[in-house]
Amino acid sequence: MSNTHFTGPVPGEFVPERSEDAGAPRPEPADAGAANPPYRRRPRYAGKNPRRFEDKYKEHDPGRYAETIAKVLSSGKTPAGTHRPIMVPEILEVLAPVPGETAVDCTLGYGGHAQELLARLLPGGQLLGLDADPIELPKTTARLRALGFGPETFRSHRSNFAGLPKVLAAAGLAGADVILADLGVSSMQLDEPARGFSTKHNGPLDMRMNPQSGQSAAAFLGRVRPDVLAALLTENADEPFAAVLAPVLAGHAYATTGELAAAIRAVLPRLDKDAQDLSVRRVFQALRIAVNDEFSALDMFLRYLPACLNPGGRVAILTFHSGEERRVTKAFDAGRREGVYAEIAQDALRAAPIERRDNPRSTSARLRWARKADVL
């Protein structure tokens, strides 16, 4: 999760706009040969709201099309190829980063949270960014470099959050003052059809955070037993129809996200469309968690977390469904009882109403935090 699946024009490259009277293809020069392929015009922008991901080239180039980006954001949507960081004010308040401290963003994603943290760590501070996605990590690293955050201030590492102890050790650090983990899948992954994370656009049924390793969701479904799948649908997504769906879906090879979604709906013909769509989203969520072994990685991260915090260090974790929430709450409660954490959130924080309105993807977010004891 080749290095890119984007099939439209390269963001930032100059492609002449098509004029109104340019109906015919541009003729080739008389001496054009194999070394000089015919000039091909880019298709005209597909209206105000192009549906295909590949047609949204203006959204992929905010530098040239700031007005388009502003319109997309004002409509409560996320521009293609980007991600809107969730609960930034709340995260900054509970983490309280100050100049000179060391922070770790364990789920770097688009870099929105990291950018805000870095602005408060300088001068003298640093941030390590972790992400398992080999496609998005180089883009985000380049984006933050362009904002002026050099290697003495910001370093990125291709790793999931379970690899935090190794990353800290490699950087020569005993611990961090600030740790953030945003457990949600990024908008870049959800919106890109080739990644296969959602049914918004039809694409190959993949769902791997790192498509260079492991098995795809299609391969997983083709091999999993019905009883195992039923348990996963319940544990990973609280799917109420797990017992009905599992025997039909397990052992079948669905090549695309559309094929799997159609199969799920066919099993639940008596439900209305909204209820069917909810089951589709829950099944996709359960498969994504299983394919990427997310709960095992989260359990390991929570186990290592206290040792990765400096005395008095703060951690904040954004969760997006009950399976994540239960694990984080249990780990923080245990740490508080054992005296590892001096203070923890009594209740999960939610995005403000205005953020939930402007960014619907923040609706399911829950933020929990903890502060390590100064002396154990």
Protein backbone atom coordinates (compact mmCIF):
# COMPACT_ATOMS: atom_id res chain seq x y z
CA MET A 1 0.00 0.00 0.00
CA SER A 2 4.43 -0.59 -8.05
CA ASN A 3 4.91 2.62 -5.66
CA THR A 4 1.72 4.35 -6.65
CA HIS A 5 -1.67 3.34 -7.96
CA PHE A 6 -2.65 6.81 -9.11
CA THR A 7 -3.30 6.70 -12.86
CA GLY A 8 -4.08 10.36 -13.48
CA PRO A 9 -1.55 13.13 -14.11
CA VAL A 10 1.33 13.54 -11.71
CA PRO A 11 0.43 16.20 -9.12
CA GLY A 12 2.27 19.41 -9.92
CA GLU A 13 3.14 18.55 -13.54
CA PHE A 14 2.05 21.03 -16.17
CA VAL A 15 -0.64 19.73 -18.49
CA PRO A 16 -2.19 22.30 -20.83
CA GLU A 17 -5.89 22.91 -20.35
CA ARG A 18 -8.10 22.01 -23.28
CA SER A 19 -9.60 24.97 -25.08
CA GLU A 20 -13.28 25.17 -25.91
CA ASP A 21 -12.78 24.79 -29.67
CA ALA A 22 -10.15 22.06 -29.52
CA GLY A 23 -12.29 19.23 -30.78
CA ALA A 24 -9.76 17.32 -32.87
CA PRO A 25 -6.54 15.71 -31.66
CA ARG A 26 -3.39 17.77 -32.08
CA PRO A 27 -1.63 16.70 -35.31
CA GLU A 28 1.78 15.08 -35.13
CA PRO A 29 4.79 16.94 -36.52
CA ALA A 30 5.82 15.71 -39.95
CA ASP A 31 9.05 14.19 -38.66
CA ALA A 32 7.52 12.55 -35.59
CA GLY A 33 8.74 9.01 -35.06
CA ALA A 34 8.71 6.29 -32.49
CA ALA A 35 10.86 8.40 -30.19
CA ASN A 36 8.26 11.19 -30.26
CA PRO A 37 4.85 9.72 -29.40
CA PRO A 38 1.73 11.68 -30.42
CA TYR A 39 0.69 14.50 -28.11
CA ARG A 40 -2.28 13.49 -25.98
CA ARG A 41 -4.46 16.03 -24.23
CA ARG A 42 -5.64 15.43 -20.71
CA PRO A 43 -9.42 14.90 -20.48
CA ARG A 44 -11.37 17.93 -19.39
CA TYR A 45 -12.12 18.12 -15.65
CA ALA A 46 -15.26 16.05 -15.18
CA GLY A 47 -17.60 18.72 -13.87
CA LYS A 48 -17.85 20.21 -10.39
CA ASN A 49 -18.00 16.82 -8.66
CA PRO A 50 -16.16 14.14 -10.65
CA ARG A 51 -17.03 10.69 -9.32
CA ARG A 52 -14.02 8.67 -10.42
CA PHE A 53 -10.94 8.96 -8.21
CA GLU A 54 -8.72 9.24 -11.28
CA ASP A 55 -10.71 12.24 -12.57
CA LYS A 56 -10.18 14.30 -9.42
CA TYR A 57 -6.83 15.63 -10.54
CA LYS A 58 -7.53 19.13 -9.26
CA GLU A 59 -7.94 17.79 -5.73
CA HIS A 60 -4.54 16.09 -6.00
CA ASP A 61 -2.84 19.41 -6.76
CA PRO A 62 -3.83 21.92 -4.06
CA GLY A 63 -1.07 24.31 -5.08
CA ARG A 64 -2.65 24.95 -8.47
CA TYR A 65 -6.31 24.49 -7.56
CA ALA A 66 -6.73 26.11 -4.15
CA GLU A 67 -10.26 27.26 -4.99
CA THR A 68 -11.37 23.71 -5.78
CA ILE A 69 -9.82 22.43 -2.54
CA ALA A 70 -11.62 25.14 -0.56
CA LYS A 71 -14.95 24.17 -2.11
CA VAL A 72 -14.45 20.48 -1.32
CA LEU A 73 -13.55 21.27 2.29
CA SER A 74 -16.48 23.65 2.72
CA SER A 75 -18.85 20.90 1.60
CA GLY A 76 -17.71 18.70 4.50
CA LYS A 77 -15.64 16.36 2.31
CA THR A 78 -11.98 15.46 2.21
CA PRO A 79 -10.10 16.28 -1.01
CA ALA A 80 -8.86 13.20 -2.86
CA GLY A 81 -5.39 12.09 -1.86
CA THR A 82 -5.44 14.02 1.42
CA HIS A 83 -6.46 13.48 5.02
CA ARG A 84 -7.95 15.86 7.57
CA PRO A 85 -6.44 15.37 11.03
CA ILE A 86 -9.09 14.68 13.66
CA MET A 87 -9.47 16.38 17.05
CA VAL A 88 -6.32 18.50 16.73
CA PRO A 89 -7.19 21.03 19.50
CA GLU A 90 -8.13 18.26 21.93
CA ILE A 91 -4.95 16.30 21.18
CA LEU A 92 -2.72 19.33 21.63
CA GLU A 93 -4.40 20.14 24.93
CA VAL A 94 -3.92 16.70 26.49
CA LEU A 95 -0.41 16.14 25.10
CA ALA A 96 0.74 19.71 25.88
CA PRO A 97 3.95 19.57 23.79
CA VAL A 98 6.57 22.21 24.62
CA PRO A 99 9.82 23.29 22.90
CA GLY A 100 12.70 20.88 23.35
CA GLU A 101 10.63 17.75 23.90
CA THR A 102 10.71 14.52 21.90
CA ALA A 103 7.47 13.31 20.34
CA VAL A 104 6.45 10.24 18.36
CA ASP A 105 3.54 10.13 15.92
CA CYS A 106 3.01 6.38 15.70
CA THR A 107 0.58 6.66 12.76
CA LEU A 108 2.03 9.42 10.60
CA GLY A 109 -0.49 9.19 7.77
CA TYR A 110 -0.81 12.51 5.90
CA GLY A 111 1.21 14.29 8.59
CA GLY A 112 -1.50 16.66 9.83
CA HIS A 113 -1.06 15.86 13.51
CA ALA A 114 2.73 15.74 13.14
CA GLN A 115 2.81 19.19 11.58
CA GLU A 116 0.90 20.67 14.50
CA LEU A 117 3.09 18.90 17.06
CA LEU A 118 6.31 19.98 15.36
CA ALA A 119 5.28 23.62 15.43
CA ARG A 120 5.09 23.38 19.24
CA LEU A 121 8.24 21.30 19.79
CA LEU A 122 10.53 23.88 18.22
CA PRO A 123 13.04 25.16 18.98
CA GLY A 124 15.08 22.25 20.21
CA GLY A 125 12.51 19.46 19.92
CA GLN A 126 12.10 16.56 17.52
CA LEU A 127 9.46 14.20 16.22
CA LEU A 128 9.70 10.62 14.96
CA GLY A 129 6.99 9.55 12.53
CA LEU A 130 6.03 5.90 12.08
CA ASP A 131 3.90 4.45 9.30
CA ALA A 132 3.69 0.97 7.78
CA ASP A 133 2.39 2.22 4.42
CA PRO A 134 5.24 2.26 1.87
CA ILE A 135 3.14 4.25 -0.60
CA GLU A 136 2.08 7.16 1.60
CA LEU A 137 5.13 7.44 3.89
CA PRO A 138 7.52 8.93 1.26
CA LYS A 139 4.85 11.44 0.20
CA THR A 140 4.31 12.63 3.75
CA THR A 141 8.02 12.80 4.46
CA ALA A 142 8.51 14.99 1.39
CA ARG A 143 5.54 17.14 2.40
CA LEU A 144 6.94 17.82 5.87
CA ARG A 145 10.42 18.45 4.47
CA ALA A 146 8.91 21.07 2.15
CA LEU A 147 7.44 22.80 5.20
CA GLY A 148 10.96 23.24 6.58
CA PHE A 149 11.22 20.30 8.99
CA GLY A 150 14.70 18.91 8.33
CA PRO A 151 16.18 15.60 9.53
CA GLU A 152 17.44 17.18 12.76
CA THR A 153 13.79 17.92 13.63
CA PHE A 154 11.77 15.21 11.90
CA ARG A 155 12.61 11.62 10.95
CA SER A 156 10.28 9.05 9.44
CA HIS A 157 10.41 5.28 9.84
CA ARG A 158 8.50 2.58 7.99
CA SER A 159 7.04 0.61 10.88
CA ASN A 160 3.71 0.08 12.53
CA PHE A 161 3.22 1.25 16.11
CA ALA A 162 4.18 -2.14 17.54
CA GLY A 163 7.73 -1.38 16.40
CA LEU A 164 7.98 1.72 18.61
CA PRO A 165 10.65 0.31 21.00
CA LYS A 166 12.96 -0.58 18.10
CA VAL A 167 12.51 2.83 16.48
CA LEU A 168 13.35 4.61 19.73
CA ALA A 169 16.40 2.41 20.29
CA ALA A 170 17.64 3.00 16.74
CA ALA A 171 17.33 6.76 17.32
CA GLY A 172 19.34 6.46 20.55
CA LEU A 173 16.39 7.51 22.71
CA ALA A 174 15.41 6.01 26.04
CA GLY A 175 11.85 7.29 25.68
CA ALA A 176 9.59 10.05 24.42
CA ASP A 177 7.80 12.89 26.17
CA VAL A 178 4.79 12.79 23.85
CA ILE A 179 3.29 9.81 21.98
CA LEU A 180 0.30 9.92 19.65
CA ALA A 181 -1.47 7.04 17.89
CA ASP A 182 -4.39 7.62 15.51
CA LEU A 183 -5.73 4.10 14.93
CA GLY A 184 -8.08 4.96 12.08
CA VAL A 185 -7.42 4.13 8.44
CA SER A 186 -6.43 7.24 6.49
CA SER A 187 -8.57 9.00 3.91
CA MET A 188 -5.85 8.42 1.30
CA GLN A 189 -6.24 4.68 1.78
CA LEU A 190 -10.04 4.73 1.91
CA ASP A 191 -10.44 6.87 -1.19
CA GLU A 192 -7.88 5.16 -3.45
CA PRO A 193 -9.79 2.37 -5.30
CA ALA A 194 -6.66 0.31 -5.89
CA ARG A 195 -6.18 -0.13 -2.14
CA GLY A 196 -9.52 -1.94 -1.77
CA PHE A 197 -10.48 -0.54 1.64
CA SER A 198 -14.02 0.60 0.84
CA THR A 199 -16.89 0.35 -1.63
CA LYS A 200 -16.85 4.06 -2.44
CA HIS A 201 -15.14 3.09 -5.71
CA ASN A 202 -14.85 -0.44 -7.09
CA GLY A 203 -11.34 -1.85 -6.87
CA PRO A 204 -9.34 -5.00 -6.11
CA LEU A 205 -10.18 -6.55 -2.75
CA ASP A 206 -6.83 -5.90 -1.08
CA MET A 207 -7.00 -3.90 2.21
CA ARG A 208 -3.33 -4.34 3.15
CA MET A 209 -1.68 -1.36 4.83
CA ASN A 210 1.53 -2.64 3.27
CA PRO A 211 0.66 -4.28 -0.07
CA GLN A 212 4.23 -5.56 -0.36
CA SER A 213 3.68 -8.23 2.29
CA GLY A 214 1.02 -10.51 3.68
CA GLN A 215 -2.14 -11.72 2.00
CA SER A 216 -4.92 -9.64 0.52
CA ALA A 217 -8.49 -9.65 1.82
CA ALA A 218 -9.49 -11.67 -1.26
CA ALA A 219 -6.91 -14.35 -0.43
CA PHE A 220 -7.89 -14.31 3.24
CA LEU A 221 -11.58 -14.83 2.46
CA GLY A 222 -10.75 -17.66 0.09
CA ARG A 223 -8.97 -19.60 2.84
CA VAL A 224 -10.76 -18.76 6.08
CA ARG A 225 -13.15 -21.24 7.71
CA PRO A 226 -16.76 -20.16 8.33
CA ASP A 227 -16.49 -20.50 12.11
CA VAL A 228 -13.31 -18.41 12.21
CA LEU A 229 -14.85 -15.75 10.00
CA ALA A 230 -17.98 -15.59 12.16
CA ALA A 231 -15.84 -15.02 15.25
CA LEU A 232 -13.84 -12.31 13.47
CA LEU A 233 -16.96 -10.49 12.29
CA THR A 234 -18.22 -10.41 15.87
CA GLU A 235 -14.93 -9.52 17.56
CA ASN A 236 -13.65 -7.00 15.00
CA ALA A 237 -16.89 -5.25 14.08
CA ASP A 238 -19.78 -6.34 16.34
CA GLU A 239 -21.59 -7.59 13.22
CA PRO A 240 -25.04 -8.85 14.34
CA PHE A 241 -25.46 -11.08 11.26
CA ALA A 242 -22.06 -12.76 11.56
CA ALA A 243 -23.54 -16.26 11.83
CA VAL A 244 -25.54 -15.76 8.64
CA LEU A 245 -22.84 -14.04 6.60
CA ALA A 246 -19.83 -16.21 7.48
CA PRO A 247 -20.92 -19.51 5.85
CA VAL A 248 -21.69 -17.69 2.59
CA LEU A 249 -18.58 -15.51 2.40
CA ALA A 250 -15.92 -17.91 3.72
CA GLY A 251 -14.06 -19.92 1.12
CA HIS A 252 -15.22 -17.78 -1.81
CA ALA A 253 -12.91 -15.70 -3.98
CA TYR A 254 -14.23 -12.17 -4.47
CA ALA A 255 -11.93 -10.28 -6.80
CA THR A 256 -13.26 -6.77 -6.18
CA THR A 257 -14.77 -4.67 -3.42
CA GLY A 258 -17.97 -4.41 -5.46
CA GLU A 259 -18.34 -8.18 -5.72
CA LEU A 260 -17.98 -8.63 -1.97
CA ALA A 261 -20.41 -5.82 -1.18
CA ALA A 262 -22.98 -7.32 -3.55
CA ALA A 263 -22.58 -10.74 -1.92
CA ILE A 264 -23.15 -9.27 1.54
CA ARG A 265 -26.30 -7.46 0.43
CA ALA A 266 -27.59 -10.63 -1.24
CA VAL A 267 -27.37 -12.50 2.07
CA LEU A 268 -29.49 -9.83 3.79
CA PRO A 269 -32.35 -9.20 1.32
CA ARG A 270 -34.89 -8.30 4.00
CA LEU A 271 -32.87 -5.36 5.32
CA ASP A 272 -33.31 -1.90 3.83
CA LYS A 273 -30.42 -0.34 1.94
CA ASP A 274 -29.11 1.65 4.90
CA ALA A 275 -28.99 -1.44 7.11
CA GLN A 276 -27.30 -3.43 4.35
CA ASP A 277 -24.72 -0.68 3.92
CA LEU A 278 -23.94 -0.80 7.64
CA SER A 279 -23.27 -4.53 7.41
CA VAL A 280 -21.06 -3.98 4.37
CA ARG A 281 -18.98 -1.43 6.28
CA ARG A 282 -18.72 -3.71 9.31
CA VAL A 283 -17.59 -6.68 7.23
CA PHE A 284 -15.00 -4.55 5.47
CA GLN A 285 -13.77 -3.26 8.83
CA ALA A 286 -13.49 -6.78 10.25
CA LEU A 287 -11.55 -8.00 7.23
CA ARG A 288 -9.18 -5.02 7.28
CA ILE A 289 -8.38 -5.65 10.95
CA ALA A 290 -7.78 -9.35 10.29
CA VAL A 291 -5.69 -8.87 7.15
CA ASN A 292 -3.41 -6.35 8.88
CA ASP A 293 -3.43 -8.16 12.27
CA GLU A 294 -4.31 -4.82 13.83
CA PHE A 295 -5.42 -6.05 17.24
CA SER A 296 -2.21 -8.01 17.81
CA ALA A 297 -0.18 -4.94 16.89
CA LEU A 298 -2.31 -2.76 19.19
CA ASP A 299 -1.97 -5.19 22.11
CA MET A 300 1.81 -5.22 21.67
CA PHE A 301 1.94 -1.41 21.43
CA LEU A 302 -0.08 -1.00 24.63
CA ARG A 303 2.17 -3.50 26.42
CA TYR A 304 5.37 -1.66 25.41
CA LEU A 305 3.92 1.85 25.79
CA PRO A 306 4.81 2.62 29.45
CA ALA A 307 8.47 1.74 28.88
CA CYS A 308 8.54 4.03 25.82
CA LEU A 309 7.40 7.10 27.80
CA ASN A 310 9.76 9.30 29.76
CA PRO A 311 8.72 10.06 33.37
CA GLY A 312 5.81 12.51 33.16
CA GLY A 313 5.33 11.67 29.48
CA ARG A 314 1.88 11.91 27.88
CA VAL A 315 0.16 9.61 25.41
CA ALA A 316 -3.03 10.12 23.40
CA ILE A 317 -4.79 7.45 21.35
CA LEU A 318 -7.62 7.96 18.88
CA THR A 319 -9.88 4.92 18.46
CA PHE A 320 -12.68 4.41 15.97
CA HIS A 321 -14.56 1.29 17.04
CA SER A 322 -15.35 -0.72 20.13
CA GLY A 323 -12.60 -3.32 19.70
CA GLU A 324 -9.90 -0.66 19.82
CA GLU A 325 -11.65 1.30 22.55
CA ARG A 326 -11.92 -1.72 24.85
CA ARG A 327 -8.23 -2.52 24.55
CA VAL A 328 -7.03 1.02 25.17
CA THR A 329 -9.38 1.54 28.12
CA LYS A 330 -8.35 -1.75 29.73
CA ALA A 331 -4.62 -1.01 29.33
CA PHE A 332 -4.90 2.51 30.75
CA ASP A 333 -7.03 1.32 33.68
CA ALA A 334 -4.49 -1.41 34.50
CA GLY A 335 -1.61 1.05 34.28
CA ARG A 336 -3.36 3.46 36.63
CA ARG A 337 -4.01 0.71 39.20
CA GLU A 338 -0.38 -0.41 39.04
CA GLY A 339 0.91 3.14 39.46
CA VAL A 340 2.52 3.29 36.02
CA TYR A 341 0.19 6.09 34.97
CA ALA A 342 -0.34 8.98 37.36
CA GLU A 343 -3.46 10.11 35.53
CA ILE A 344 -5.75 8.80 32.78
CA ALA A 345 -8.84 10.04 31.01
CA GLN A 346 -11.96 9.17 32.99
CA ASP A 347 -14.10 9.34 29.88
CA ALA A 348 -13.29 9.32 26.20
CA LEU A 349 -13.28 12.72 24.49
CA ARG A 350 -15.26 13.19 21.27
CA ALA A 351 -14.87 15.61 18.39
CA ALA A 352 -16.72 18.88 18.83
CA PRO A 353 -20.12 19.16 17.08
CA ILE A 354 -18.75 21.59 14.51
CA GLU A 355 -15.96 19.15 13.57
CA ARG A 356 -18.39 16.25 13.29
CA ARG A 357 -20.48 18.40 10.97
CA ASP A 358 -17.57 19.58 8.84
CA ASN A 359 -15.71 16.26 8.81
CA PRO A 360 -18.09 13.28 9.11
CA ARG A 361 -15.15 10.88 9.44
CA SER A 362 -14.55 12.29 12.93
CA THR A 363 -17.96 11.12 14.17
CA SER A 364 -16.83 7.75 15.47
CA ALA A 365 -13.53 9.00 16.95
CA ARG A 366 -12.85 8.58 20.66
CA LEU A 367 -9.78 10.09 22.33
CA ARG A 368 -8.22 8.62 25.46
CA TRP A 369 -5.04 9.82 27.15
CA ALA A 370 -2.70 8.97 30.00
CA ARG A 371 0.25 10.58 31.82
CA LYS A 372 3.10 8.45 33.10
CA ALA A 373 4.08 8.81 36.74
CA ASP A 374 7.10 11.02 37.42
CA VAL A 375 8.68 8.37 39.64
CA LEU A 376 7.81 4.67 39.72
